[in-house]
């Protein structure tokens, strides 16, 4: 989907009425890689760093073979790396699975695996 500016994308918010909307979240994750939106999206997701439902969806996107190569996976990996450590500990198996991926950008902590010592 094309969004001309932040106002247009913001109207497609994936979190409404206390629930995550997977299709809209997919669009947000794709646009995390767009320099026009990346800062605003990082600010948006910062409010949900402790949200376990969001974490589940992010891992679903990242580990879904049907999304293989999609920008949504790159966005999911980036947002997973920013999640609260307690949420990541609860998803330890999925995080370690993602970290084993041979494609570096699919690893949430591809820049510094040593940052996982707390896990």
Protein backbone atom coordinates (compact mmCIF):
# COMPACT_ATOMS: atom_id res chain seq x y z
CA UNK A 1 0.00 0.00 0.00
CA UNK A 2 1.22 3.50 -0.71
CA UNK A 3 1.08 6.23 1.92
CA UNK A 4 1.97 9.77 0.85
CA UNK A 5 2.87 10.96 4.33
CA UNK A 6 2.81 10.13 8.03
CA UNK A 7 -0.76 11.41 8.46
CA UNK A 8 -2.00 8.90 5.90
CA UNK A 9 -0.08 5.99 7.42
CA UNK A 10 -1.05 6.95 10.97
CA UNK A 11 -4.73 6.60 10.05
CA UNK A 12 -4.02 2.94 9.25
CA UNK A 13 -2.98 2.34 12.87
CA UNK A 14 -2.60 -1.37 13.68
CA UNK A 15 -3.65 -0.98 17.32
CA UNK A 16 -7.32 -0.16 17.75
CA UNK A 17 -9.78 -0.87 20.54
CA UNK A 18 -7.09 -2.69 22.52
CA UNK A 19 -6.36 -5.16 19.74
CA UNK A 20 -3.67 -5.59 17.09
CA UNK A 21 -4.82 -5.72 13.48
CA UNK A 22 -2.40 -7.98 11.64
CA UNK A 23 -2.90 -6.51 8.15
CA UNK A 24 -2.28 -2.97 9.36
CA UNK A 25 0.71 -4.13 11.43
CA UNK A 26 2.15 -5.67 8.27
CA UNK A 27 1.99 -2.25 6.58
CA UNK A 28 3.62 -0.54 9.55
CA UNK A 29 6.44 -3.10 9.55
CA UNK A 30 7.06 -2.64 5.83
CA UNK A 31 7.21 1.11 6.29
CA UNK A 32 9.71 0.83 9.15
CA UNK A 33 12.28 0.58 6.36
CA UNK A 34 11.15 3.79 4.68
CA UNK A 35 13.22 6.77 5.84
CA UNK A 36 10.12 8.99 5.61
CA UNK A 37 8.41 6.96 8.33
CA UNK A 38 11.08 5.11 10.31
CA UNK A 39 11.48 7.66 13.11
CA UNK A 40 7.72 8.08 13.62
CA UNK A 41 7.22 4.32 13.59
CA UNK A 42 9.98 3.80 16.14
CA UNK A 43 8.19 6.33 18.35
CA UNK A 44 4.88 4.52 17.80
CA UNK A 45 6.27 1.09 18.67
CA UNK A 46 8.15 2.45 21.71
CA UNK A 47 4.82 2.74 23.52
CA UNK A 48 4.29 -1.02 23.12
CA UNK A 49 7.70 -2.44 24.04
CA UNK A 50 6.18 -4.49 26.85
CA UNK A 51 3.20 -5.73 24.84
CA UNK A 52 3.31 -9.53 24.68
CA UNK A 53 0.64 -9.72 21.99
CA UNK A 54 2.73 -7.45 19.78
CA UNK A 55 5.80 -9.59 20.44
CA UNK A 56 3.89 -12.70 19.34
CA UNK A 57 2.84 -11.03 16.11
CA UNK A 58 6.33 -9.71 15.41
CA UNK A 59 7.79 -13.19 15.81
CA UNK A 60 4.98 -14.60 13.64
CA UNK A 61 6.00 -12.25 10.82
CA UNK A 62 9.71 -12.82 11.29
CA UNK A 63 9.52 -16.61 11.37
CA UNK A 64 6.80 -17.04 8.71
CA UNK A 65 8.20 -18.68 5.59
CA UNK A 66 5.28 -17.16 3.67
CA UNK A 67 6.73 -13.71 4.38
CA UNK A 68 10.22 -14.77 3.36
CA UNK A 69 12.13 -11.82 1.97
CA UNK A 70 9.40 -9.33 2.78
CA UNK A 71 10.30 -5.95 4.21
CA UNK A 72 7.86 -6.84 6.98
CA UNK A 73 10.44 -9.30 8.30
CA UNK A 74 13.13 -6.64 8.38
CA UNK A 75 10.77 -4.33 10.26
CA UNK A 76 9.78 -7.12 12.64
CA UNK A 77 13.42 -7.95 13.41
CA UNK A 78 14.14 -4.30 14.11
CA UNK A 79 11.15 -3.88 16.40
CA UNK A 80 11.87 -7.17 18.22
CA UNK A 81 15.35 -5.86 19.04
CA UNK A 82 13.71 -2.90 20.78
CA UNK A 83 11.27 -4.94 22.92
CA UNK A 84 11.49 -5.07 26.69
CA UNK A 85 13.88 -7.76 27.90
CA UNK A 86 11.22 -9.45 30.02
CA UNK A 87 9.04 -9.88 26.94
CA UNK A 88 12.01 -11.27 25.04
CA UNK A 89 12.82 -13.71 27.85
CA UNK A 90 9.27 -15.05 27.55
CA UNK A 91 9.97 -15.59 23.84
CA UNK A 92 13.46 -16.98 24.33
CA UNK A 93 12.97 -20.03 22.08
CA UNK A 94 11.63 -17.97 19.20
CA UNK A 95 14.34 -15.34 19.63
CA UNK A 96 17.08 -17.96 19.59
CA UNK A 97 15.48 -19.53 16.50
CA UNK A 98 15.56 -16.14 14.76
CA UNK A 99 19.17 -15.57 15.80
CA UNK A 100 20.20 -18.76 13.99
CA UNK A 101 18.96 -17.49 10.63
CA UNK A 102 21.70 -17.39 8.00
CA UNK A 103 20.27 -14.11 6.71
CA UNK A 104 21.74 -11.49 9.03
CA UNK A 105 18.94 -8.92 8.73
CA UNK A 106 16.47 -11.56 9.95
CA UNK A 107 18.37 -11.70 13.24
CA UNK A 108 16.99 -9.14 15.69
CA UNK A 109 20.44 -8.76 17.24
CA UNK A 110 22.61 -9.30 14.17
CA UNK A 111 24.89 -6.39 14.99
CA UNK A 112 25.91 -7.66 18.40
CA UNK A 113 24.98 -11.19 19.47
CA UNK A 114 26.81 -10.62 22.76
CA UNK A 115 23.90 -8.38 23.75
CA UNK A 116 21.96 -11.59 24.42
CA UNK A 117 23.97 -12.54 27.51
CA UNK A 118 21.07 -11.29 29.64
CA UNK A 119 18.72 -13.79 28.01
